[in-house]
Amino acid sequence: IVLLAMLLVQIQAIPQGPSYLPPSGGAAARPGGGGNGHPDDWAG
């Protein structure tokens, strides 16, 4: 169970960068509206 939690944390930590928007980073990226608004396009 601990290993699964660690993997989930790492998987959610990696996309927070230039990849698609995570649950927390996405909400913070939308108000920005600048060049970082493209993650919405990645999501579809």
PDB file of N, CA and C in Angstrom:
ATOM      1  N   ILE A   1       0.851  -1.206   0.000  1.00  0.00           N
ATOM      2  CA  ILE A   1       0.000   0.000   0.000  1.00  0.00           C
ATOM      3  C   ILE A   1       0.881   1.249   0.000  1.00  0.00           C
ATOM      4  N   VAL A   2       1.942   1.207   0.784  1.00  0.00           N
ATOM      5  CA  VAL A   2       2.839   2.368   0.863  1.00  0.00           C
ATOM      6  C   VAL A   2       3.505   2.612  -0.481  1.00  0.00           C
ATOM      7  N   LEU A   3       3.914   1.523  -1.133  1.00  0.00           N
ATOM      8  CA  LEU A   3       4.569   1.667  -2.441  1.00  0.00           C
ATOM      9  C   LEU A   3       3.602   2.278  -3.449  1.00  0.00           C
ATOM     10  N   LEU A   4       2.353   1.850  -3.423  1.00  0.00           N
ATOM     11  CA  LEU A   4       1.364   2.409  -4.354  1.00  0.00           C
ATOM     12  C   LEU A   4       1.181   3.900  -4.086  1.00  0.00           C
ATOM     13  N   ALA A   5       1.149   4.278  -2.822  1.00  0.00           N
ATOM     14  CA  ALA A   5       0.999   5.693  -2.481  1.00  0.00           C
ATOM     15  C   ALA A   5       2.196   6.494  -2.978  1.00  0.00           C
ATOM     16  N   MET A   6       3.392   5.933  -2.817  1.00  0.00           N
ATOM     17  CA  MET A   6       4.604   6.623  -3.277  1.00  0.00           C
ATOM     18  C   MET A   6       4.560   6.818  -4.786  1.00  0.00           C
ATOM     19  N   LEU A   7       4.129   5.788  -5.516  1.00  0.00           N
ATOM     20  CA  LEU A   7       4.061   5.891  -6.977  1.00  0.00           C
ATOM     21  C   LEU A   7       3.042   6.956  -7.380  1.00  0.00           C
ATOM     22  N   LEU A   8       1.900   6.974  -6.714  1.00  0.00           N
ATOM     23  CA  LEU A   8       0.873   7.967  -7.048  1.00  0.00           C
ATOM     24  C   LEU A   8       1.402   9.378  -6.803  1.00  0.00           C
ATOM     25  N   VAL A   9       2.130   9.562  -5.707  1.00  0.00           N
ATOM     26  CA  VAL A   9       2.682  10.890  -5.401  1.00  0.00           C
ATOM     27  C   VAL A   9       3.685  11.301  -6.466  1.00  0.00           C
ATOM     28  N   GLN A  10       4.536  10.376  -6.889  1.00  0.00           N
ATOM     29  CA  GLN A  10       5.545  10.701  -7.897  1.00  0.00           C
ATOM     30  C   GLN A  10       4.879  10.983  -9.234  1.00  0.00           C
ATOM     31  N   ILE A  11       3.865  10.192  -9.593  1.00  0.00           N
ATOM     32  CA  ILE A  11       3.173  10.390 -10.874  1.00  0.00           C
ATOM     33  C   ILE A  11       2.484  11.754 -10.886  1.00  0.00           C
ATOM     34  N   GLN A  12       1.901  12.152  -9.761  1.00  0.00           N
ATOM     35  CA  GLN A  12       1.215  13.442  -9.700  1.00  0.00           C
ATOM     36  C   GLN A  12       2.209  14.588  -9.586  1.00  0.00           C
ATOM     37  N   ALA A  13       3.416  14.298  -9.098  1.00  0.00           N
ATOM     38  CA  ALA A  13       4.419  15.355  -8.918  1.00  0.00           C
ATOM     39  C   ALA A  13       5.090  15.694 -10.243  1.00  0.00           C
ATOM     40  N   ILE A  14       5.230  14.703 -11.124  1.00  0.00           N
ATOM     41  CA  ILE A  14       5.919  14.945 -12.400  1.00  0.00           C
ATOM     42  C   ILE A  14       5.092  15.843 -13.330  1.00  0.00           C
ATOM     43  N   PRO A  15       3.792  15.570 -13.546  1.00  0.00           N
ATOM     44  CA  PRO A  15       3.009  16.391 -14.479  1.00  0.00           C
ATOM     45  C   PRO A  15       2.856  17.846 -14.047  1.00  0.00           C
ATOM     46  N   GLN A  16       3.129  18.171 -12.798  1.00  0.00           N
ATOM     47  CA  GLN A  16       2.961  19.551 -12.336  1.00  0.00           C
ATOM     48  C   GLN A  16       3.897  20.504 -13.064  1.00  0.00           C
ATOM     49  N   GLY A  17       4.895  19.961 -13.768  1.00  0.00           N
ATOM     50  CA  GLY A  17       5.819  20.793 -14.531  1.00  0.00           C
ATOM     51  C   GLY A  17       5.184  21.251 -15.830  1.00  0.00           C
ATOM     52  N   PRO A  18       5.825  21.014 -16.965  1.00  0.00           N
ATOM     53  CA  PRO A  18       5.331  21.482 -18.259  1.00  0.00           C
ATOM     54  C   PRO A  18       4.298  20.551 -18.882  1.00  0.00           C
ATOM     55  N   SER A  19       3.984  19.428 -18.219  1.00  0.00           N
ATOM     56  CA  SER A  19       3.059  18.462 -18.804  1.00  0.00           C
ATOM     57  C   SER A  19       1.615  18.917 -18.619  1.00  0.00           C
ATOM     58  N   TYR A  20       0.670  17.974 -18.700  1.00  0.00           N
ATOM     59  CA  TYR A  20      -0.742  18.328 -18.586  1.00  0.00           C
ATOM     60  C   TYR A  20      -1.052  18.800 -17.178  1.00  0.00           C
ATOM     61  N   LEU A  21      -2.238  19.371 -16.979  1.00  0.00           N
ATOM     62  CA  LEU A  21      -2.555  19.982 -15.702  1.00  0.00           C
ATOM     63  C   LEU A  21      -3.023  18.939 -14.687  1.00  0.00           C
ATOM     64  N   PRO A  22      -2.454  18.943 -13.477  1.00  0.00           N
ATOM     65  CA  PRO A  22      -2.896  18.092 -12.378  1.00  0.00           C
ATOM     66  C   PRO A  22      -4.052  18.761 -11.630  1.00  0.00           C
ATOM     67  N   PRO A  23      -4.694  18.073 -10.677  1.00  0.00           N
ATOM     68  CA  PRO A  23      -5.834  18.647  -9.948  1.00  0.00           C
ATOM     69  C   PRO A  23      -5.486  19.979  -9.277  1.00  0.00           C
ATOM     70  N   SER A  24      -4.287  20.082  -8.680  1.00  0.00           N
ATOM     71  CA  SER A  24      -3.923  21.305  -7.960  1.00  0.00           C
ATOM     72  C   SER A  24      -3.309  22.336  -8.902  1.00  0.00           C
ATOM     73  N   GLY A  25      -2.361  21.921  -9.731  1.00  0.00           N
ATOM     74  CA  GLY A  25      -1.672  22.845 -10.631  1.00  0.00           C
ATOM     75  C   GLY A  25      -2.620  23.418 -11.671  1.00  0.00           C
ATOM     76  N   GLY A  26      -3.603  22.626 -12.128  1.00  0.00           N
ATOM     77  CA  GLY A  26      -4.531  23.092 -13.157  1.00  0.00           C
ATOM     78  C   GLY A  26      -5.347  24.274 -12.650  1.00  0.00           C
ATOM     79  N   ALA A  27      -5.823  24.184 -11.420  1.00  0.00           N
ATOM     80  CA  ALA A  27      -6.636  25.268 -10.870  1.00  0.00           C
ATOM     81  C   ALA A  27      -5.805  26.539 -10.734  1.00  0.00           C
ATOM     82  N   ALA A  28      -4.508  26.388 -10.485  1.00  0.00           N
ATOM     83  CA  ALA A  28      -3.642  27.549 -10.314  1.00  0.00           C
ATOM     84  C   ALA A  28      -3.181  28.084 -11.667  1.00  0.00           C
ATOM     85  N   ALA A  29      -3.205  27.230 -12.688  1.00  0.00           N
ATOM     86  CA  ALA A  29      -2.707  27.639 -14.007  1.00  0.00           C
ATOM     87  C   ALA A  29      -3.786  28.404 -14.773  1.00  0.00           C
ATOM     88  N   ARG A  30      -5.048  28.083 -14.559  1.00  0.00           N
ATOM     89  CA  ARG A  30      -6.125  28.744 -15.310  1.00  0.00           C
ATOM     90  C   ARG A  30      -6.179  30.251 -15.034  1.00  0.00           C
ATOM     91  N   PRO A  31      -6.119  30.686 -13.764  1.00  0.00           N
ATOM     92  CA  PRO A  31      -6.131  32.133 -13.497  1.00  0.00           C
ATOM     93  C   PRO A  31      -4.938  32.844 -14.122  1.00  0.00           C
ATOM     94  N   GLY A  32      -3.814  32.133 -14.301  1.00  0.00           N
ATOM     95  CA  GLY A  32      -2.622  32.739 -14.896  1.00  0.00           C
ATOM     96  C   GLY A  32      -2.935  33.206 -16.302  1.00  0.00           C
ATOM     97  N   GLY A  33      -3.485  32.298 -17.121  1.00  0.00           N
ATOM     98  CA  GLY A  33      -3.938  32.669 -18.458  1.00  0.00           C
ATOM     99  C   GLY A  33      -2.816  32.940 -19.439  1.00  0.00           C
ATOM    100  N   GLY A  34      -1.584  33.076 -18.989  1.00  0.00           N
ATOM    101  CA  GLY A  34      -0.477  33.397 -19.896  1.00  0.00           C
ATOM    102  C   GLY A  34      -0.140  32.239 -20.819  1.00  0.00           C
ATOM    103  N   GLY A  35       1.150  32.010 -21.076  1.00  0.00           N
ATOM    104  CA  GLY A  35       1.572  30.923 -21.955  1.00  0.00           C
ATOM    105  C   GLY A  35       1.283  29.568 -21.337  1.00  0.00           C
ATOM    106  N   ASN A  36       1.020  29.546 -20.041  1.00  0.00           N
ATOM    107  CA  ASN A  36       0.746  28.281 -19.369  1.00  0.00           C
ATOM    108  C   ASN A  36      -0.725  27.893 -19.483  1.00  0.00           C
ATOM    109  N   GLY A  37      -1.492  28.580 -20.299  1.00  0.00           N
ATOM    110  CA  GLY A  37      -2.899  28.238 -20.478  1.00  0.00           C
ATOM    111  C   GLY A  37      -3.071  27.059 -21.413  1.00  0.00           C
ATOM    112  N   HIS A  38      -1.987  26.645 -22.079  1.00  0.00           N
ATOM    113  CA  HIS A  38      -2.065  25.561 -23.056  1.00  0.00           C
ATOM    114  C   HIS A  38      -2.347  24.188 -22.460  1.00  0.00           C
ATOM    115  N   PRO A  39      -2.028  23.931 -21.189  1.00  0.00           N
ATOM    116  CA  PRO A  39      -2.347  22.606 -20.631  1.00  0.00           C
ATOM    117  C   PRO A  39      -3.796  22.210 -20.849  1.00  0.00           C
ATOM    118  N   ASP A  40      -4.694  23.171 -20.955  1.00  0.00           N
ATOM    119  CA  ASP A  40      -6.090  22.847 -21.236  1.00  0.00           C
ATOM    120  C   ASP A  40      -6.204  22.190 -22.605  1.00  0.00           C
ATOM    121  N   ASP A  41      -5.376  22.634 -23.549  1.00  0.00           N
ATOM    122  CA  ASP A  41      -5.389  22.034 -24.883  1.00  0.00           C
ATOM    123  C   ASP A  41      -4.856  20.610 -24.819  1.00  0.00           C
ATOM    124  N   TRP A  42      -3.887  20.361 -23.929  1.00  0.00           N
ATOM    125  CA  TRP A  42      -3.357  19.003 -23.776  1.00  0.00           C
ATOM    126  C   TRP A  42      -4.456  18.081 -23.270  1.00  0.00           C
ATOM    127  N   ALA A  43      -5.278  18.591 -22.348  1.00  0.00           N
ATOM    128  CA  ALA A  43      -6.341  17.767 -21.781  1.00  0.00           C
ATOM    129  C   ALA A  43      -7.413  17.475 -22.826  1.00  0.00           C
ATOM    130  N   GLY A  44      -7.471  18.278 -23.866  1.00  0.00           N
ATOM    131  CA  GLY A  44      -8.465  18.026 -24.891  1.00  0.00           C
ATOM    132  C   GLY A  44      -9.417  19.183 -25.004  1.00  0.00           C
TER     133      GLY A  44
END
